[in-house]
mmCIF file of all heavy atoms, coordinates in Angstrom:
data_MODEL
# 
_entry.id   MODEL 
# 
loop_
_atom_site.group_PDB 
_atom_site.id 
_atom_site.type_symbol 
_atom_site.label_atom_id 
_atom_site.label_alt_id 
_atom_site.label_comp_id 
_atom_site.label_asym_id 
_atom_site.label_entity_id 
_atom_site.label_seq_id 
_atom_site.pdbx_PDB_ins_code 
_atom_site.Cartn_x 
_atom_site.Cartn_y 
_atom_site.Cartn_z 
_atom_site.occupancy 
_atom_site.B_iso_or_equiv 
_atom_site.pdbx_formal_charge 
_atom_site.auth_seq_id 
_atom_site.auth_comp_id 
_atom_site.auth_asym_id 
_atom_site.auth_atom_id 
_atom_site.pdbx_PDB_model_num 
ATOM 1   N N   . ILE A 1 1  ? -1.440 14.867  -1.723  1.00 0.00 ? 1  ILE A N   1 
ATOM 2   C CA  . ILE A 1 1  ? -2.449 14.409  -0.754  1.00 0.00 ? 1  ILE A CA  1 
ATOM 3   C C   . ILE A 1 1  ? -3.252 13.322  -1.433  1.00 0.00 ? 1  ILE A C   1 
ATOM 4   O O   . ILE A 1 1  ? -4.113 13.587  -2.273  1.00 0.00 ? 1  ILE A O   1 
ATOM 5   C CB  . ILE A 1 1  ? -3.356 15.572  -0.317  1.00 0.00 ? 1  ILE A CB  1 
ATOM 6   C CG1 . ILE A 1 1  ? -2.518 16.694  0.285   1.00 0.00 ? 1  ILE A CG1 1 
ATOM 7   C CG2 . ILE A 1 1  ? -4.397 15.102  0.661   1.00 0.00 ? 1  ILE A CG2 1 
ATOM 8   C CD1 . ILE A 1 1  ? -3.310 17.898  0.687   1.00 0.00 ? 1  ILE A CD1 1 
ATOM 9   N N   . GLY A 1 2  ? -2.971 12.084  -1.076  1.00 0.00 ? 2  GLY A N   1 
ATOM 10  C CA  . GLY A 1 2  ? -3.614 10.944  -1.723  1.00 0.00 ? 2  GLY A CA  1 
ATOM 11  C C   . GLY A 1 2  ? -4.620 10.264  -0.837  1.00 0.00 ? 2  GLY A C   1 
ATOM 12  O O   . GLY A 1 2  ? -4.901 10.669  0.284   1.00 0.00 ? 2  GLY A O   1 
ATOM 13  N N   . THR A 1 3  ? -5.188 9.205   -1.377  1.00 0.00 ? 3  THR A N   1 
ATOM 14  C CA  . THR A 1 3  ? -6.215 8.467   -0.650  1.00 0.00 ? 3  THR A CA  1 
ATOM 15  C C   . THR A 1 3  ? -5.640 7.731   0.543   1.00 0.00 ? 3  THR A C   1 
ATOM 16  O O   . THR A 1 3  ? -6.336 7.505   1.531   1.00 0.00 ? 3  THR A O   1 
ATOM 17  C CB  . THR A 1 3  ? -6.882 7.456   -1.609  1.00 0.00 ? 3  THR A CB  1 
ATOM 18  O OG1 . THR A 1 3  ? -7.327 8.169   -2.771  1.00 0.00 ? 3  THR A OG1 1 
ATOM 19  C CG2 . THR A 1 3  ? -8.067 6.788   -0.953  1.00 0.00 ? 3  THR A CG2 1 
ATOM 20  N N   . TYR A 1 4  ? -4.379 7.382   0.505   1.00 0.00 ? 4  TYR A N   1 
ATOM 21  C CA  . TYR A 1 4  ? -3.803 6.537   1.527   1.00 0.00 ? 4  TYR A CA  1 
ATOM 22  C C   . TYR A 1 4  ? -2.896 7.303   2.474   1.00 0.00 ? 4  TYR A C   1 
ATOM 23  O O   . TYR A 1 4  ? -1.941 6.774   3.002   1.00 0.00 ? 4  TYR A O   1 
ATOM 24  C CB  . TYR A 1 4  ? -3.053 5.374   0.875   1.00 0.00 ? 4  TYR A CB  1 
ATOM 25  C CG  . TYR A 1 4  ? -3.958 4.552   -0.006  1.00 0.00 ? 4  TYR A CG  1 
ATOM 26  C CD1 . TYR A 1 4  ? -3.947 4.719   -1.386  1.00 0.00 ? 4  TYR A CD1 1 
ATOM 27  C CD2 . TYR A 1 4  ? -4.879 3.674   0.557   1.00 0.00 ? 4  TYR A CD2 1 
ATOM 28  C CE1 . TYR A 1 4  ? -4.814 3.995   -2.184  1.00 0.00 ? 4  TYR A CE1 1 
ATOM 29  C CE2 . TYR A 1 4  ? -5.741 2.956   -0.260  1.00 0.00 ? 4  TYR A CE2 1 
ATOM 30  C CZ  . TYR A 1 4  ? -5.697 3.118   -1.616  1.00 0.00 ? 4  TYR A CZ  1 
ATOM 31  O OH  . TYR A 1 4  ? -6.548 2.398   -2.402  1.00 0.00 ? 4  TYR A OH  1 
ATOM 32  N N   . GLY A 1 5  ? -3.200 8.556   2.703   1.00 0.00 ? 5  GLY A N   1 
ATOM 33  C CA  . GLY A 1 5  ? -2.503 9.298   3.741   1.00 0.00 ? 5  GLY A CA  1 
ATOM 34  C C   . GLY A 1 5  ? -1.030 9.519   3.455   1.00 0.00 ? 5  GLY A C   1 
ATOM 35  O O   . GLY A 1 5  ? -0.232 9.620   4.372   1.00 0.00 ? 5  GLY A O   1 
ATOM 36  N N   . GLY A 1 6  ? -0.657 9.619   2.192   1.00 0.00 ? 6  GLY A N   1 
ATOM 37  C CA  . GLY A 1 6  ? 0.725  9.952   1.874   1.00 0.00 ? 6  GLY A CA  1 
ATOM 38  C C   . GLY A 1 6  ? 1.693  8.806   1.993   1.00 0.00 ? 6  GLY A C   1 
ATOM 39  O O   . GLY A 1 6  ? 2.890  9.011   1.931   1.00 0.00 ? 6  GLY A O   1 
ATOM 40  N N   . ALA A 1 7  ? 1.228  7.577   2.198   1.00 0.00 ? 7  ALA A N   1 
ATOM 41  C CA  . ALA A 1 7  ? 2.145  6.447   2.317   1.00 0.00 ? 7  ALA A CA  1 
ATOM 42  C C   . ALA A 1 7  ? 2.851  6.214   0.987   1.00 0.00 ? 7  ALA A C   1 
ATOM 43  O O   . ALA A 1 7  ? 2.209  6.126   -0.051  1.00 0.00 ? 7  ALA A O   1 
ATOM 44  C CB  . ALA A 1 7  ? 1.397  5.195   2.744   1.00 0.00 ? 7  ALA A CB  1 
ATOM 45  N N   . PHE A 1 8  ? 4.162  6.129   1.010   1.00 0.00 ? 8  PHE A N   1 
ATOM 46  C CA  . PHE A 1 8  ? 4.941  5.893   -0.202  1.00 0.00 ? 8  PHE A CA  1 
ATOM 47  C C   . PHE A 1 8  ? 5.137  4.392   -0.356  1.00 0.00 ? 8  PHE A C   1 
ATOM 48  O O   . PHE A 1 8  ? 5.735  3.742   0.486   1.00 0.00 ? 8  PHE A O   1 
ATOM 49  C CB  . PHE A 1 8  ? 6.278  6.605   -0.127  1.00 0.00 ? 8  PHE A CB  1 
ATOM 50  C CG  . PHE A 1 8  ? 7.161  6.335   -1.316  1.00 0.00 ? 8  PHE A CG  1 
ATOM 51  C CD1 . PHE A 1 8  ? 6.977  7.023   -2.494  1.00 0.00 ? 8  PHE A CD1 1 
ATOM 52  C CD2 . PHE A 1 8  ? 8.149  5.373   -1.251  1.00 0.00 ? 8  PHE A CD2 1 
ATOM 53  C CE1 . PHE A 1 8  ? 7.776  6.757   -3.590  1.00 0.00 ? 8  PHE A CE1 1 
ATOM 54  C CE2 . PHE A 1 8  ? 8.949  5.114   -2.348  1.00 0.00 ? 8  PHE A CE2 1 
ATOM 55  C CZ  . PHE A 1 8  ? 8.755  5.817   -3.516  1.00 0.00 ? 8  PHE A CZ  1 
ATOM 56  N N   . LEU A 1 9  ? 4.602  3.854   -1.429  1.00 0.00 ? 9  LEU A N   1 
ATOM 57  C CA  . LEU A 1 9  ? 4.711  2.431   -1.677  1.00 0.00 ? 9  LEU A CA  1 
ATOM 58  C C   . LEU A 1 9  ? 5.290  2.215   -3.066  1.00 0.00 ? 9  LEU A C   1 
ATOM 59  O O   . LEU A 1 9  ? 4.935  2.933   -4.009  1.00 0.00 ? 9  LEU A O   1 
ATOM 60  C CB  . LEU A 1 9  ? 3.347  1.734   -1.577  1.00 0.00 ? 9  LEU A CB  1 
ATOM 61  C CG  . LEU A 1 9  ? 2.616  1.929   -0.247  1.00 0.00 ? 9  LEU A CG  1 
ATOM 62  C CD1 . LEU A 1 9  ? 1.226  1.349   -0.333  1.00 0.00 ? 9  LEU A CD1 1 
ATOM 63  C CD2 . LEU A 1 9  ? 3.388  1.277   0.883   1.00 0.00 ? 9  LEU A CD2 1 
ATOM 64  N N   . SER A 1 10 ? 6.173  1.231   -3.178  1.00 0.00 ? 10 SER A N   1 
ATOM 65  C CA  . SER A 1 10 ? 6.721  0.909   -4.483  1.00 0.00 ? 10 SER A CA  1 
ATOM 66  C C   . SER A 1 10 ? 5.786  -0.031  -5.203  1.00 0.00 ? 10 SER A C   1 
ATOM 67  O O   . SER A 1 10 ? 5.000  -0.747  -4.589  1.00 0.00 ? 10 SER A O   1 
ATOM 68  C CB  . SER A 1 10 ? 8.103  0.261   -4.330  1.00 0.00 ? 10 SER A CB  1 
ATOM 69  O OG  . SER A 1 10 ? 8.002  -0.944  -3.586  1.00 0.00 ? 10 SER A OG  1 
ATOM 70  N N   . GLY A 1 11 ? 5.857  -0.035  -6.496  1.00 0.00 ? 11 GLY A N   1 
ATOM 71  C CA  . GLY A 1 11 ? 4.995  -0.905  -7.269  1.00 0.00 ? 11 GLY A CA  1 
ATOM 72  C C   . GLY A 1 11 ? 4.275  -0.115  -8.340  1.00 0.00 ? 11 GLY A C   1 
ATOM 73  O O   . GLY A 1 11 ? 4.587  1.033   -8.643  1.00 0.00 ? 11 GLY A O   1 
ATOM 74  N N   . THR A 1 12 ? 3.284  -0.741  -8.957  1.00 0.00 ? 12 THR A N   1 
ATOM 75  C CA  . THR A 1 12 ? 2.538  -0.124  -10.040 1.00 0.00 ? 12 THR A CA  1 
ATOM 76  C C   . THR A 1 12 ? 1.369  0.671   -9.481  1.00 0.00 ? 12 THR A C   1 
ATOM 77  O O   . THR A 1 12 ? 0.635  0.189   -8.615  1.00 0.00 ? 12 THR A O   1 
ATOM 78  C CB  . THR A 1 12 ? 2.021  -1.212  -11.002 1.00 0.00 ? 12 THR A CB  1 
ATOM 79  O OG1 . THR A 1 12 ? 3.133  -1.986  -11.448 1.00 0.00 ? 12 THR A OG1 1 
ATOM 80  C CG2 . THR A 1 12 ? 1.347  -0.586  -12.195 1.00 0.00 ? 12 THR A CG2 1 
ATOM 81  N N   . ALA A 1 13 ? 1.195  1.886   -9.926  1.00 0.00 ? 13 ALA A N   1 
ATOM 82  C CA  . ALA A 1 13 ? 0.085  2.728   -9.490  1.00 0.00 ? 13 ALA A CA  1 
ATOM 83  C C   . ALA A 1 13 ? -1.233 2.130   -10.011 1.00 0.00 ? 13 ALA A C   1 
ATOM 84  O O   . ALA A 1 13 ? -1.259 1.480   -11.051 1.00 0.00 ? 13 ALA A O   1 
ATOM 85  C CB  . ALA A 1 13 ? 0.275  4.143   -9.991  1.00 0.00 ? 13 ALA A CB  1 
ATOM 86  N N   . PRO A 1 14 ? -2.359 2.323   -9.333  1.00 0.00 ? 14 PRO A N   1 
ATOM 87  C CA  . PRO A 1 14 ? -2.498 3.112   -8.113  1.00 0.00 ? 14 PRO A CA  1 
ATOM 88  C C   . PRO A 1 14 ? -2.019 2.350   -6.892  1.00 0.00 ? 14 PRO A C   1 
ATOM 89  O O   . PRO A 1 14 ? -2.162 1.131   -6.811  1.00 0.00 ? 14 PRO A O   1 
ATOM 90  C CB  . PRO A 1 14 ? -4.006 3.365   -8.035  1.00 0.00 ? 14 PRO A CB  1 
ATOM 91  C CG  . PRO A 1 14 ? -4.605 2.185   -8.717  1.00 0.00 ? 14 PRO A CG  1 
ATOM 92  C CD  . PRO A 1 14 ? -3.642 1.820   -9.818  1.00 0.00 ? 14 PRO A CD  1 
ATOM 93  N N   . PHE A 1 15 ? -1.428 3.071   -5.937  1.00 0.00 ? 15 PHE A N   1 
ATOM 94  C CA  . PHE A 1 15 ? -0.895 2.455   -4.747  1.00 0.00 ? 15 PHE A CA  1 
ATOM 95  C C   . PHE A 1 15 ? -2.030 2.111   -3.789  1.00 0.00 ? 15 PHE A C   1 
ATOM 96  O O   . PHE A 1 15 ? -2.981 2.874   -3.643  1.00 0.00 ? 15 PHE A O   1 
ATOM 97  C CB  . PHE A 1 15 ? 0.111  3.372   -4.063  1.00 0.00 ? 15 PHE A CB  1 
ATOM 98  C CG  . PHE A 1 15 ? 1.223  3.794   -4.970  1.00 0.00 ? 15 PHE A CG  1 
ATOM 99  C CD1 . PHE A 1 15 ? 1.478  5.133   -5.199  1.00 0.00 ? 15 PHE A CD1 1 
ATOM 100 C CD2 . PHE A 1 15 ? 2.012  2.859   -5.616  1.00 0.00 ? 15 PHE A CD2 1 
ATOM 101 C CE1 . PHE A 1 15 ? 2.487  5.531   -6.048  1.00 0.00 ? 15 PHE A CE1 1 
ATOM 102 C CE2 . PHE A 1 15 ? 3.030  3.242   -6.451  1.00 0.00 ? 15 PHE A CE2 1 
ATOM 103 C CZ  . PHE A 1 15 ? 3.274  4.588   -6.675  1.00 0.00 ? 15 PHE A CZ  1 
ATOM 104 N N   . SER A 1 16 ? -1.915 1.017   -3.097  1.00 0.00 ? 16 SER A N   1 
ATOM 105 C CA  . SER A 1 16 ? -2.914 0.595   -2.129  1.00 0.00 ? 16 SER A CA  1 
ATOM 106 C C   . SER A 1 16 ? -2.189 0.201   -0.858  1.00 0.00 ? 16 SER A C   1 
ATOM 107 O O   . SER A 1 16 ? -1.489 -0.813  -0.821  1.00 0.00 ? 16 SER A O   1 
ATOM 108 C CB  . SER A 1 16 ? -3.736 -0.588  -2.673  1.00 0.00 ? 16 SER A CB  1 
ATOM 109 O OG  . SER A 1 16 ? -4.598 -1.085  -1.677  1.00 0.00 ? 16 SER A OG  1 
ATOM 110 N N   . TYR A 1 17 ? -2.375 1.000   0.180   1.00 0.00 ? 17 TYR A N   1 
ATOM 111 C CA  . TYR A 1 17 ? -1.738 0.694   1.459   1.00 0.00 ? 17 TYR A CA  1 
ATOM 112 C C   . TYR A 1 17 ? -2.329 -0.570  2.062   1.00 0.00 ? 17 TYR A C   1 
ATOM 113 O O   . TYR A 1 17 ? -1.605 -1.426  2.598   1.00 0.00 ? 17 TYR A O   1 
ATOM 114 C CB  . TYR A 1 17 ? -1.914 1.878   2.397   1.00 0.00 ? 17 TYR A CB  1 
ATOM 115 C CG  . TYR A 1 17 ? -1.406 1.625   3.804   1.00 0.00 ? 17 TYR A CG  1 
ATOM 116 C CD1 . TYR A 1 17 ? -0.049 1.554   4.074   1.00 0.00 ? 17 TYR A CD1 1 
ATOM 117 C CD2 . TYR A 1 17 ? -2.297 1.452   4.854   1.00 0.00 ? 17 TYR A CD2 1 
ATOM 118 C CE1 . TYR A 1 17 ? 0.417  1.323   5.355   1.00 0.00 ? 17 TYR A CE1 1 
ATOM 119 C CE2 . TYR A 1 17 ? -1.845 1.215   6.140   1.00 0.00 ? 17 TYR A CE2 1 
ATOM 120 C CZ  . TYR A 1 17 ? -0.483 1.153   6.384   1.00 0.00 ? 17 TYR A CZ  1 
ATOM 121 O OH  . TYR A 1 17 ? -0.044 0.912   7.662   1.00 0.00 ? 17 TYR A OH  1 
ATOM 122 N N   . GLU A 1 18 ? -3.647 -0.719  1.983   1.00 0.00 ? 18 GLU A N   1 
ATOM 123 C CA  . GLU A 1 18 ? -4.303 -1.905  2.557   1.00 0.00 ? 18 GLU A CA  1 
ATOM 124 C C   . GLU A 1 18 ? -3.824 -3.177  1.863   1.00 0.00 ? 18 GLU A C   1 
ATOM 125 O O   . GLU A 1 18 ? -3.572 -4.193  2.518   1.00 0.00 ? 18 GLU A O   1 
ATOM 126 C CB  . GLU A 1 18 ? -5.809 -1.779  2.444   1.00 0.00 ? 18 GLU A CB  1 
ATOM 127 C CG  . GLU A 1 18 ? -6.413 -0.670  3.319   1.00 0.00 ? 18 GLU A CG  1 
ATOM 128 C CD  . GLU A 1 18 ? -7.919 -0.668  3.279   1.00 0.00 ? 18 GLU A CD  1 
ATOM 129 O OE1 . GLU A 1 18 ? -8.479 -1.552  2.584   1.00 0.00 ? 18 GLU A OE1 1 
ATOM 130 O OE2 . GLU A 1 18 ? -8.538 0.204   3.905   1.00 0.00 ? 18 GLU A OE2 1 
ATOM 131 N N   . ALA A 1 19 ? -3.699 -3.148  0.543   1.00 0.00 ? 19 ALA A N   1 
ATOM 132 C CA  . ALA A 1 19 ? -3.226 -4.326  -0.181  1.00 0.00 ? 19 ALA A CA  1 
ATOM 133 C C   . ALA A 1 19 ? -1.794 -4.650  0.181   1.00 0.00 ? 19 ALA A C   1 
ATOM 134 O O   . ALA A 1 19 ? -1.431 -5.829  0.338   1.00 0.00 ? 19 ALA A O   1 
ATOM 135 C CB  . ALA A 1 19 ? -3.365 -4.105  -1.687  1.00 0.00 ? 19 ALA A CB  1 
ATOM 136 N N   . SER A 1 20 ? -0.951 -3.637  0.332   1.00 0.00 ? 20 SER A N   1 
ATOM 137 C CA  . SER A 1 20 ? 0.450  -3.867  0.698   1.00 0.00 ? 20 SER A CA  1 
ATOM 138 C C   . SER A 1 20 ? 0.564  -4.416  2.119   1.00 0.00 ? 20 SER A C   1 
ATOM 139 O O   . SER A 1 20 ? 1.377  -5.298  2.374   1.00 0.00 ? 20 SER A O   1 
ATOM 140 C CB  . SER A 1 20 ? 1.247  -2.577  0.562   1.00 0.00 ? 20 SER A CB  1 
ATOM 141 O OG  . SER A 1 20 ? 1.243  -2.124  -0.775  1.00 0.00 ? 20 SER A OG  1 
ATOM 142 N N   . VAL A 1 21 ? -0.253 -3.893  3.041   1.00 0.00 ? 21 VAL A N   1 
ATOM 143 C CA  . VAL A 1 21 ? -0.240 -4.419  4.395   1.00 0.00 ? 21 VAL A CA  1 
ATOM 144 C C   . VAL A 1 21 ? -0.735 -5.855  4.421   1.00 0.00 ? 21 VAL A C   1 
ATOM 145 O O   . VAL A 1 21 ? -0.204 -6.713  5.149   1.00 0.00 ? 21 VAL A O   1 
ATOM 146 C CB  . VAL A 1 21 ? -1.110 -3.524  5.313   1.00 0.00 ? 21 VAL A CB  1 
ATOM 147 C CG1 . VAL A 1 21 ? -1.356 -4.200  6.648   1.00 0.00 ? 21 VAL A CG1 1 
ATOM 148 C CG2 . VAL A 1 21 ? -0.428 -2.186  5.535   1.00 0.00 ? 21 VAL A CG2 1 
ATOM 149 N N   . ARG A 1 22 ? -1.736 -6.152  3.610   1.00 0.00 ? 22 ARG A N   1 
ATOM 150 C CA  . ARG A 1 22 ? -2.264 -7.517  3.560   1.00 0.00 ? 22 ARG A CA  1 
ATOM 151 C C   . ARG A 1 22 ? -1.200 -8.488  3.051   1.00 0.00 ? 22 ARG A C   1 
ATOM 152 O O   . ARG A 1 22 ? -1.042 -9.591  3.575   1.00 0.00 ? 22 ARG A O   1 
ATOM 153 C CB  . ARG A 1 22 ? -3.500 -7.574  2.666   1.00 0.00 ? 22 ARG A CB  1 
ATOM 154 C CG  . ARG A 1 22 ? -4.231 -8.917  2.698   1.00 0.00 ? 22 ARG A CG  1 
ATOM 155 C CD  . ARG A 1 22 ? -5.448 -8.898  1.790   1.00 0.00 ? 22 ARG A CD  1 
ATOM 156 N NE  . ARG A 1 22 ? -6.328 -7.798  2.108   1.00 0.00 ? 22 ARG A NE  1 
ATOM 157 C CZ  . ARG A 1 22 ? -6.503 -6.738  1.326   1.00 0.00 ? 22 ARG A CZ  1 
ATOM 158 N NH1 . ARG A 1 22 ? -5.843 -6.658  0.170   1.00 0.00 ? 22 ARG A NH1 1 
ATOM 159 N NH2 . ARG A 1 22 ? -7.321 -5.779  1.671   1.00 0.00 ? 22 ARG A NH2 1 
ATOM 160 N N   . GLU A 1 23 ? -0.438 -8.078  2.038   1.00 0.00 ? 23 GLU A N   1 
ATOM 161 C CA  . GLU A 1 23 ? 0.586  -8.961  1.478   1.00 0.00 ? 23 GLU A CA  1 
ATOM 162 C C   . GLU A 1 23 ? 1.796  -9.085  2.407   1.00 0.00 ? 23 GLU A C   1 
ATOM 163 O O   . GLU A 1 23 ? 2.370  -10.152 2.539   1.00 0.00 ? 23 GLU A O   1 
ATOM 164 C CB  . GLU A 1 23 ? 1.029  -8.432  0.113   1.00 0.00 ? 23 GLU A CB  1 
ATOM 165 C CG  . GLU A 1 23 ? 2.042  -9.338  -0.579  1.00 0.00 ? 23 GLU A CG  1 
ATOM 166 C CD  . GLU A 1 23 ? 2.381  -8.880  -1.971  1.00 0.00 ? 23 GLU A CD  1 
ATOM 167 O OE1 . GLU A 1 23 ? 1.859  -7.813  -2.376  1.00 0.00 ? 23 GLU A OE1 1 
ATOM 168 O OE2 . GLU A 1 23 ? 3.148  -9.571  -2.656  1.00 0.00 ? 23 GLU A OE2 1 
ATOM 169 N N   . ALA A 1 24 ? 2.185  -7.972  3.055   1.00 0.00 ? 24 ALA A N   1 
ATOM 170 C CA  . ALA A 1 24 ? 3.402  -7.982  3.856   1.00 0.00 ? 24 ALA A CA  1 
ATOM 171 C C   . ALA A 1 24 ? 3.154  -8.445  5.280   1.00 0.00 ? 24 ALA A C   1 
ATOM 172 O O   . ALA A 1 24 ? 3.918  -9.234  5.826   1.00 0.00 ? 24 ALA A O   1 
ATOM 173 C CB  . ALA A 1 24 ? 4.029  -6.585  3.871   1.00 0.00 ? 24 ALA A CB  1 
ATOM 174 N N   . TYR A 1 25 ? 2.086  -7.945  5.918   1.00 0.00 ? 25 TYR A N   1 
ATOM 175 C CA  . TYR A 1 25 ? 1.879  -8.240  7.337   1.00 0.00 ? 25 TYR A CA  1 
ATOM 176 C C   . TYR A 1 25 ? 0.965  -9.448  7.546   1.00 0.00 ? 25 TYR A C   1 
ATOM 177 O O   . TYR A 1 25 ? 1.229  -10.292 8.396   1.00 0.00 ? 25 TYR A O   1 
ATOM 178 C CB  . TYR A 1 25 ? 1.272  -7.019  8.037   1.00 0.00 ? 25 TYR A CB  1 
ATOM 179 C CG  . TYR A 1 25 ? 1.219  -7.157  9.526   1.00 0.00 ? 25 TYR A CG  1 
ATOM 180 C CD1 . TYR A 1 25 ? 2.337  -6.852  10.314  1.00 0.00 ? 25 TYR A CD1 1 
ATOM 181 C CD2 . TYR A 1 25 ? 0.064  -7.576  10.175  1.00 0.00 ? 25 TYR A CD2 1 
ATOM 182 C CE1 . TYR A 1 25 ? 2.292  -6.978  11.694  1.00 0.00 ? 25 TYR A CE1 1 
ATOM 183 C CE2 . TYR A 1 25 ? 0.022  -7.705  11.546  1.00 0.00 ? 25 TYR A CE2 1 
ATOM 184 C CZ  . TYR A 1 25 ? 1.128  -7.401  12.306  1.00 0.00 ? 25 TYR A CZ  1 
ATOM 185 O OH  . TYR A 1 25 ? 1.086  -7.547  13.667  1.00 0.00 ? 25 TYR A OH  1 
ATOM 186 N N   . VAL A 1 26 ? -0.100 -9.548  6.766   1.00 0.00 ? 26 VAL A N   1 
ATOM 187 C CA  . VAL A 1 26 ? -1.073 -10.624 6.966   1.00 0.00 ? 26 VAL A CA  1 
ATOM 188 C C   . VAL A 1 26 ? -0.577 -11.931 6.379   1.00 0.00 ? 26 VAL A C   1 
ATOM 189 O O   . VAL A 1 26 ? -0.741 -12.997 6.978   1.00 0.00 ? 26 VAL A O   1 
ATOM 190 C CB  . VAL A 1 26 ? -2.438 -10.241 6.361   1.00 0.00 ? 26 VAL A CB  1 
ATOM 191 C CG1 . VAL A 1 26 ? -3.449 -11.369 6.528   1.00 0.00 ? 26 VAL A CG1 1 
ATOM 192 C CG2 . VAL A 1 26 ? -2.964 -8.955  7.011   1.00 0.00 ? 26 VAL A CG2 1 
ATOM 193 N N   . GLU A 1 27 ? 0.063  -11.878 5.202   1.00 0.00 ? 27 GLU A N   1 
ATOM 194 C CA  . GLU A 1 27 ? 0.412  -13.099 4.479   1.00 0.00 ? 27 GLU A CA  1 
ATOM 195 C C   . GLU A 1 27 ? 1.883  -13.458 4.550   1.00 0.00 ? 27 GLU A C   1 
ATOM 196 O O   . GLU A 1 27 ? 2.269  -14.497 4.027   1.00 0.00 ? 27 GLU A O   1 
ATOM 197 C CB  . GLU A 1 27 ? -0.008 -12.958 3.005   1.00 0.00 ? 27 GLU A CB  1 
ATOM 198 C CG  . GLU A 1 27 ? -1.494 -12.720 2.812   1.00 0.00 ? 27 GLU A CG  1 
ATOM 199 C CD  . GLU A 1 27 ? -1.856 -12.534 1.357   1.00 0.00 ? 27 GLU A CD  1 
ATOM 200 O OE1 . GLU A 1 27 ? -0.937 -12.568 0.514   1.00 0.00 ? 27 GLU A OE1 1 
ATOM 201 O OE2 . GLU A 1 27 ? -3.047 -12.334 1.056   1.00 0.00 ? 27 GLU A OE2 1 
ATOM 202 N N   . ASN A 1 28 ? 2.707  -12.634 5.168   1.00 0.00 ? 28 ASN A N   1 
ATOM 203 C CA  . ASN A 1 28 ? 4.147  -12.900 5.214   1.00 0.00 ? 28 ASN A CA  1 
ATOM 204 C C   . ASN A 1 28 ? 4.580  -13.039 6.665   1.00 0.00 ? 28 ASN A C   1 
ATOM 205 O O   . ASN A 1 28 ? 4.479  -12.076 7.439   1.00 0.00 ? 28 ASN A O   1 
ATOM 206 C CB  . ASN A 1 28 ? 4.935  -11.790 4.515   1.00 0.00 ? 28 ASN A CB  1 
ATOM 207 C CG  . ASN A 1 28 ? 6.393  -12.143 4.333   1.00 0.00 ? 28 ASN A CG  1 
ATOM 208 O OD1 . ASN A 1 28 ? 7.199  -11.975 5.245   1.00 0.00 ? 28 ASN A OD1 1 
ATOM 209 N ND2 . ASN A 1 28 ? 6.739  -12.655 3.161   1.00 0.00 ? 28 ASN A ND2 1 
# 
């Protein structure tokens, strides 16, 4: 049970759902 509602994200911990959405959806 994590801060980001269990979202599984690849990359270096700590995982950030908002940062990943910003990079993938907002900037791509």
